[in-house]
Amino acid sequence: MPSIRQLFRQSKIFRSLLIIVIIKFAIFYLFLKAFLYPRYLKPKWDSEEQRIEAITNDLTKNQKE
């Protein structure tokens, strides 16, 4: 009697879905790295406190502004 793990390894649908999920995670990671992270990682602040304050303000500001 094959185990569940062996059934998943032999399944073509499982492999296809796993490849799709991995590709989606890679695309999402690249999007975050390219468009969102540089704003917070570039050294444009004079001190660590200024960086923390700017990020906190960005995350907590009112959505109506």
PDB file of N, CA and C in Angstrom:
ATOM      1  N   MET A   1       0.849  -1.183   0.000  1.00  0.00           N
ATOM      2  CA  MET A   1       0.000   0.000   0.000  1.00  0.00           C
ATOM      3  C   MET A   1       0.893   1.244   0.000  1.00  0.00           C
ATOM      4  N   PRO A   2       0.790   2.082  -1.018  1.00  0.00           N
ATOM      5  CA  PRO A   2       1.636   3.279  -1.081  1.00  0.00           C
ATOM      6  C   PRO A   2       1.193   4.326  -0.053  1.00  0.00           C
ATOM      7  N   SER A   3       2.152   5.052   0.432  1.00  0.00           N
ATOM      8  CA  SER A   3       1.839   6.097   1.404  1.00  0.00           C
ATOM      9  C   SER A   3       1.363   7.355   0.680  1.00  0.00           C
ATOM     10  N   ILE A   4       0.845   8.276   1.429  1.00  0.00           N
ATOM     11  CA  ILE A   4       0.362   9.533   0.856  1.00  0.00           C
ATOM     12  C   ILE A   4       1.516  10.290   0.206  1.00  0.00           C
ATOM     13  N   ARG A   5       2.657  10.254   0.820  1.00  0.00           N
ATOM     14  CA  ARG A   5       3.833  10.938   0.282  1.00  0.00           C
ATOM     15  C   ARG A   5       4.198  10.383  -1.099  1.00  0.00           C
ATOM     16  N   GLN A   6       4.159   9.101  -1.255  1.00  0.00           N
ATOM     17  CA  GLN A   6       4.466   8.488  -2.550  1.00  0.00           C
ATOM     18  C   GLN A   6       3.413   8.856  -3.596  1.00  0.00           C
ATOM     19  N   LEU A   7       2.162   8.917  -3.187  1.00  0.00           N
ATOM     20  CA  LEU A   7       1.107   9.309  -4.122  1.00  0.00           C
ATOM     21  C   LEU A   7       1.311  10.739  -4.613  1.00  0.00           C
ATOM     22  N   PHE A   8       1.701  11.639  -3.707  1.00  0.00           N
ATOM     23  CA  PHE A   8       1.967  13.017  -4.113  1.00  0.00           C
ATOM     24  C   PHE A   8       3.156  13.095  -5.054  1.00  0.00           C
ATOM     25  N   ARG A   9       4.186  12.331  -4.799  1.00  0.00           N
ATOM     26  CA  ARG A   9       5.365  12.351  -5.660  1.00  0.00           C
ATOM     27  C   ARG A   9       5.050  11.837  -7.053  1.00  0.00           C
ATOM     28  N   GLN A  10       4.134  10.913  -7.186  1.00  0.00           N
ATOM     29  CA  GLN A  10       3.801  10.330  -8.477  1.00  0.00           C
ATOM     30  C   GLN A  10       2.742  11.144  -9.229  1.00  0.00           C
ATOM     31  N   SER A  11       2.081  12.043  -8.570  1.00  0.00           N
ATOM     32  CA  SER A  11       0.978  12.784  -9.165  1.00  0.00           C
ATOM     33  C   SER A  11       1.493  13.923 -10.053  1.00  0.00           C
ATOM     34  N   LYS A  12       1.056  13.944 -11.307  1.00  0.00           N
ATOM     35  CA  LYS A  12       1.441  15.023 -12.229  1.00  0.00           C
ATOM     36  C   LYS A  12       0.735  16.326 -11.864  1.00  0.00           C
ATOM     37  N   ILE A  13      -0.493  16.227 -11.390  1.00  0.00           N
ATOM     38  CA  ILE A  13      -1.238  17.428 -10.988  1.00  0.00           C
ATOM     39  C   ILE A  13      -0.547  18.087  -9.804  1.00  0.00           C
ATOM     40  N   PHE A  14      -0.116  17.302  -8.840  1.00  0.00           N
ATOM     41  CA  PHE A  14       0.569  17.855  -7.677  1.00  0.00           C
ATOM     42  C   PHE A  14       1.842  18.565  -8.110  1.00  0.00           C
ATOM     43  N   ARG A  15       2.604  17.954  -8.988  1.00  0.00           N
ATOM     44  CA  ARG A  15       3.838  18.593  -9.467  1.00  0.00           C
ATOM     45  C   ARG A  15       3.538  19.901 -10.188  1.00  0.00           C
ATOM     46  N   SER A  16       2.516  19.901 -11.021  1.00  0.00           N
ATOM     47  CA  SER A  16       2.147  21.117 -11.752  1.00  0.00           C
ATOM     48  C   SER A  16       1.740  22.225 -10.789  1.00  0.00           C
ATOM     49  N   LEU A  17       0.905  21.892  -9.820  1.00  0.00           N
ATOM     50  CA  LEU A  17       0.464  22.894  -8.852  1.00  0.00           C
ATOM     51  C   LEU A  17       1.623  23.401  -7.999  1.00  0.00           C
ATOM     52  N   LEU A  18       2.515  22.511  -7.635  1.00  0.00           N
ATOM     53  CA  LEU A  18       3.672  22.918  -6.850  1.00  0.00           C
ATOM     54  C   LEU A  18       4.557  23.876  -7.644  1.00  0.00           C
ATOM     55  N   ILE A  19       4.749  23.615  -8.909  1.00  0.00           N
ATOM     56  CA  ILE A  19       5.549  24.513  -9.758  1.00  0.00           C
ATOM     57  C   ILE A  19       4.870  25.872  -9.877  1.00  0.00           C
ATOM     58  N   ILE A  20       3.558  25.887 -10.037  1.00  0.00           N
ATOM     59  CA  ILE A  20       2.821  27.150 -10.128  1.00  0.00           C
ATOM     60  C   ILE A  20       2.959  27.949  -8.836  1.00  0.00           C
ATOM     61  N   VAL A  21       2.832  27.299  -7.703  1.00  0.00           N
ATOM     62  CA  VAL A  21       2.960  27.985  -6.412  1.00  0.00           C
ATOM     63  C   VAL A  21       4.368  28.551  -6.237  1.00  0.00           C
ATOM     64  N   ILE A  22       5.368  27.800  -6.595  1.00  0.00           N
ATOM     65  CA  ILE A  22       6.750  28.280  -6.473  1.00  0.00           C
ATOM     66  C   ILE A  22       6.981  29.477  -7.383  1.00  0.00           C
ATOM     67  N   ILE A  23       6.461  29.435  -8.598  1.00  0.00           N
ATOM     68  CA  ILE A  23       6.613  30.566  -9.517  1.00  0.00           C
ATOM     69  C   ILE A  23       5.895  31.804  -8.973  1.00  0.00           C
ATOM     70  N   LYS A  24       4.708  31.620  -8.409  1.00  0.00           N
ATOM     71  CA  LYS A  24       3.980  32.760  -7.841  1.00  0.00           C
ATOM     72  C   LYS A  24       4.737  33.375  -6.664  1.00  0.00           C
ATOM     73  N   PHE A  25       5.301  32.546  -5.792  1.00  0.00           N
ATOM     74  CA  PHE A  25       6.084  33.082  -4.685  1.00  0.00           C
ATOM     75  C   PHE A  25       7.310  33.828  -5.191  1.00  0.00           C
ATOM     76  N   ALA A  26       7.956  33.320  -6.220  1.00  0.00           N
ATOM     77  CA  ALA A  26       9.128  33.984  -6.779  1.00  0.00           C
ATOM     78  C   ALA A  26       8.755  35.344  -7.364  1.00  0.00           C
ATOM     79  N   ILE A  27       7.645  35.401  -8.104  1.00  0.00           N
ATOM     80  CA  ILE A  27       7.196  36.665  -8.684  1.00  0.00           C
ATOM     81  C   ILE A  27       6.838  37.656  -7.583  1.00  0.00           C
ATOM     82  N   PHE A  28       6.138  37.210  -6.562  1.00  0.00           N
ATOM     83  CA  PHE A  28       5.758  38.091  -5.457  1.00  0.00           C
ATOM     84  C   PHE A  28       7.000  38.617  -4.732  1.00  0.00           C
ATOM     85  N   TYR A  29       7.977  37.744  -4.494  1.00  0.00           N
ATOM     86  CA  TYR A  29       9.203  38.156  -3.837  1.00  0.00           C
ATOM     87  C   TYR A  29       9.949  39.196  -4.680  1.00  0.00           C
ATOM     88  N   LEU A  30      10.038  38.950  -5.980  1.00  0.00           N
ATOM     89  CA  LEU A  30      10.733  39.901  -6.847  1.00  0.00           C
ATOM     90  C   LEU A  30      10.004  41.236  -6.893  1.00  0.00           C
ATOM     91  N   PHE A  31       8.673  41.212  -6.894  1.00  0.00           N
ATOM     92  CA  PHE A  31       7.904  42.455  -6.864  1.00  0.00           C
ATOM     93  C   PHE A  31       8.196  43.245  -5.588  1.00  0.00           C
ATOM     94  N   LEU A  32       8.153  42.563  -4.458  1.00  0.00           N
ATOM     95  CA  LEU A  32       8.430  43.247  -3.198  1.00  0.00           C
ATOM     96  C   LEU A  32       9.841  43.807  -3.172  1.00  0.00           C
ATOM     97  N   LYS A  33      10.784  43.018  -3.612  1.00  0.00           N
ATOM     98  CA  LYS A  33      12.173  43.446  -3.579  1.00  0.00           C
ATOM     99  C   LYS A  33      12.414  44.623  -4.515  1.00  0.00           C
ATOM    100  N   ALA A  34      11.780  44.617  -5.667  1.00  0.00           N
ATOM    101  CA  ALA A  34      12.036  45.655  -6.659  1.00  0.00           C
ATOM    102  C   ALA A  34      11.309  46.967  -6.367  1.00  0.00           C
ATOM    103  N   PHE A  35      10.079  46.893  -5.862  1.00  0.00           N
ATOM    104  CA  PHE A  35       9.275  48.105  -5.750  1.00  0.00           C
ATOM    105  C   PHE A  35       9.052  48.605  -4.327  1.00  0.00           C
ATOM    106  N   LEU A  36       9.026  47.728  -3.355  1.00  0.00           N
ATOM    107  CA  LEU A  36       8.708  48.175  -2.008  1.00  0.00           C
ATOM    108  C   LEU A  36       9.924  48.282  -1.103  1.00  0.00           C
ATOM    109  N   TYR A  37      10.805  47.317  -1.150  1.00  0.00           N
ATOM    110  CA  TYR A  37      11.939  47.312  -0.235  1.00  0.00           C
ATOM    111  C   TYR A  37      12.950  48.441  -0.473  1.00  0.00           C
ATOM    112  N   PRO A  38      13.252  48.821  -1.711  1.00  0.00           N
ATOM    113  CA  PRO A  38      14.279  49.856  -1.882  1.00  0.00           C
ATOM    114  C   PRO A  38      13.963  51.163  -1.173  1.00  0.00           C
ATOM    115  N   ARG A  39      12.684  51.470  -1.060  1.00  0.00           N
ATOM    116  CA  ARG A  39      12.298  52.712  -0.391  1.00  0.00           C
ATOM    117  C   ARG A  39      12.761  52.726   1.066  1.00  0.00           C
ATOM    118  N   TYR A  40      12.703  51.581   1.709  1.00  0.00           N
ATOM    119  CA  TYR A  40      13.057  51.520   3.114  1.00  0.00           C
ATOM    120  C   TYR A  40      14.508  51.107   3.333  1.00  0.00           C
ATOM    121  N   LEU A  41      15.147  50.581   2.335  1.00  0.00           N
ATOM    122  CA  LEU A  41      16.508  50.105   2.527  1.00  0.00           C
ATOM    123  C   LEU A  41      17.570  51.103   2.082  1.00  0.00           C
ATOM    124  N   LYS A  42      17.199  52.072   1.245  1.00  0.00           N
ATOM    125  CA  LYS A  42      18.184  53.061   0.822  1.00  0.00           C
ATOM    126  C   LYS A  42      18.532  53.969   2.003  1.00  0.00           C
ATOM    127  N   PRO A  43      19.788  54.256   2.179  1.00  0.00           N
ATOM    128  CA  PRO A  43      20.204  55.091   3.324  1.00  0.00           C
ATOM    129  C   PRO A  43      19.965  56.571   3.064  1.00  0.00           C
ATOM    130  N   LYS A  44      18.721  57.022   3.174  1.00  0.00           N
ATOM    131  CA  LYS A  44      18.435  58.437   2.956  1.00  0.00           C
ATOM    132  C   LYS A  44      18.216  59.210   4.258  1.00  0.00           C
ATOM    133  N   TRP A  45      18.276  58.533   5.381  1.00  0.00           N
ATOM    134  CA  TRP A  45      18.087  59.176   6.670  1.00  0.00           C
ATOM    135  C   TRP A  45      19.426  59.358   7.364  1.00  0.00           C
ATOM    136  N   ASP A  46      19.496  60.381   8.200  1.00  0.00           N
ATOM    137  CA  ASP A  46      20.741  60.666   8.916  1.00  0.00           C
ATOM    138  C   ASP A  46      20.955  59.741  10.100  1.00  0.00           C
ATOM    139  N   SER A  47      19.869  59.257  10.683  1.00  0.00           N
ATOM    140  CA  SER A  47      20.014  58.399  11.850  1.00  0.00           C
ATOM    141  C   SER A  47      18.966  57.286  11.820  1.00  0.00           C
ATOM    142  N   GLU A  48      19.173  56.317  12.665  1.00  0.00           N
ATOM    143  CA  GLU A  48      18.251  55.185  12.786  1.00  0.00           C
ATOM    144  C   GLU A  48      16.892  55.650  13.311  1.00  0.00           C
ATOM    145  N   GLU A  49      16.879  56.624  14.200  1.00  0.00           N
ATOM    146  CA  GLU A  49      15.630  57.140  14.752  1.00  0.00           C
ATOM    147  C   GLU A  49      14.771  57.798  13.674  1.00  0.00           C
ATOM    148  N   GLN A  50      15.418  58.554  12.768  1.00  0.00           N
ATOM    149  CA  GLN A  50      14.667  59.194  11.684  1.00  0.00           C
ATOM    150  C   GLN A  50      14.061  58.152  10.748  1.00  0.00           C
ATOM    151  N   ARG A  51      14.798  57.090  10.476  1.00  0.00           N
ATOM    152  CA  ARG A  51      14.299  56.022   9.613  1.00  0.00           C
ATOM    153  C   ARG A  51      13.091  55.336  10.262  1.00  0.00           C
ATOM    154  N   ILE A  52      13.204  55.026  11.541  1.00  0.00           N
ATOM    155  CA  ILE A  52      12.106  54.383  12.267  1.00  0.00           C
ATOM    156  C   ILE A  52      10.877  55.288  12.283  1.00  0.00           C
ATOM    157  N   GLU A  53      11.072  56.567  12.516  1.00  0.00           N
ATOM    158  CA  GLU A  53       9.959  57.518  12.557  1.00  0.00           C
ATOM    159  C   GLU A  53       9.267  57.620  11.193  1.00  0.00           C
ATOM    160  N   ALA A  54      10.028  57.679  10.124  1.00  0.00           N
ATOM    161  CA  ALA A  54       9.446  57.783   8.779  1.00  0.00           C
ATOM    162  C   ALA A  54       8.653  56.526   8.426  1.00  0.00           C
ATOM    163  N   ILE A  55       9.193  55.377   8.730  1.00  0.00           N
ATOM    164  CA  ILE A  55       8.492  54.126   8.426  1.00  0.00           C
ATOM    165  C   ILE A  55       7.240  53.997   9.274  1.00  0.00           C
ATOM    166  N   THR A  56       7.320  54.355  10.534  1.00  0.00           N
ATOM    167  CA  THR A  56       6.150  54.308  11.410  1.00  0.00           C
ATOM    168  C   THR A  56       5.054  55.240  10.910  1.00  0.00           C
ATOM    169  N   ASN A  57       5.431  56.430  10.485  1.00  0.00           N
ATOM    170  CA  ASN A  57       4.441  57.374   9.949  1.00  0.00           C
ATOM    171  C   ASN A  57       3.800  56.833   8.676  1.00  0.00           C
ATOM    172  N   ASP A  58       4.582  56.222   7.807  1.00  0.00           N
ATOM    173  CA  ASP A  58       4.034  55.648   6.574  1.00  0.00           C
ATOM    174  C   ASP A  58       3.045  54.529   6.873  1.00  0.00           C
ATOM    175  N   LEU A  59       3.342  53.709   7.848  1.00  0.00           N
ATOM    176  CA  LEU A  59       2.493  52.562   8.149  1.00  0.00           C
ATOM    177  C   LEU A  59       1.244  52.934   8.933  1.00  0.00           C
ATOM    178  N   THR A  60       1.293  54.022   9.680  1.00  0.00           N
ATOM    179  CA  THR A  60       0.166  54.365  10.547  1.00  0.00           C
ATOM    180  C   THR A  60      -0.623  55.588  10.080  1.00  0.00           C
ATOM    181  N   LYS A  61      -0.274  56.193   8.964  1.00  0.00           N
ATOM    182  CA  LYS A  61      -1.005  57.390   8.539  1.00  0.00           C
ATOM    183  C   LYS A  61      -2.420  57.021   8.091  1.00  0.00           C
ATOM    184  N   ASN A  62      -3.283  57.986   8.162  1.00  0.00           N
ATOM    185  CA  ASN A  62      -4.695  57.803   7.836  1.00  0.00           C
ATOM    186  C   ASN A  62      -4.840  57.513   6.345  1.00  0.00           C
ATOM    187  N   GLN A  63      -5.757  56.624   5.986  1.00  0.00           N
ATOM    188  CA  GLN A  63      -5.947  56.246   4.586  1.00  0.00           C
ATOM    189  C   GLN A  63      -6.611  57.355   3.759  1.00  0.00           C
ATOM    190  N   LYS A  64      -7.277  58.316   4.399  1.00  0.00           N
ATOM    191  CA  LYS A  64      -7.956  59.383   3.676  1.00  0.00           C
ATOM    192  C   LYS A  64      -6.985  60.426   3.151  1.00  0.00           C
ATOM    193  N   GLU A  65      -5.798  60.473   3.644  1.00  0.00           N
ATOM    194  CA  GLU A  65      -4.832  61.492   3.217  1.00  0.00           C
ATOM    195  C   GLU A  65      -4.326  61.228   1.838  1.00  0.00           C
TER     196      GLU A  65
END
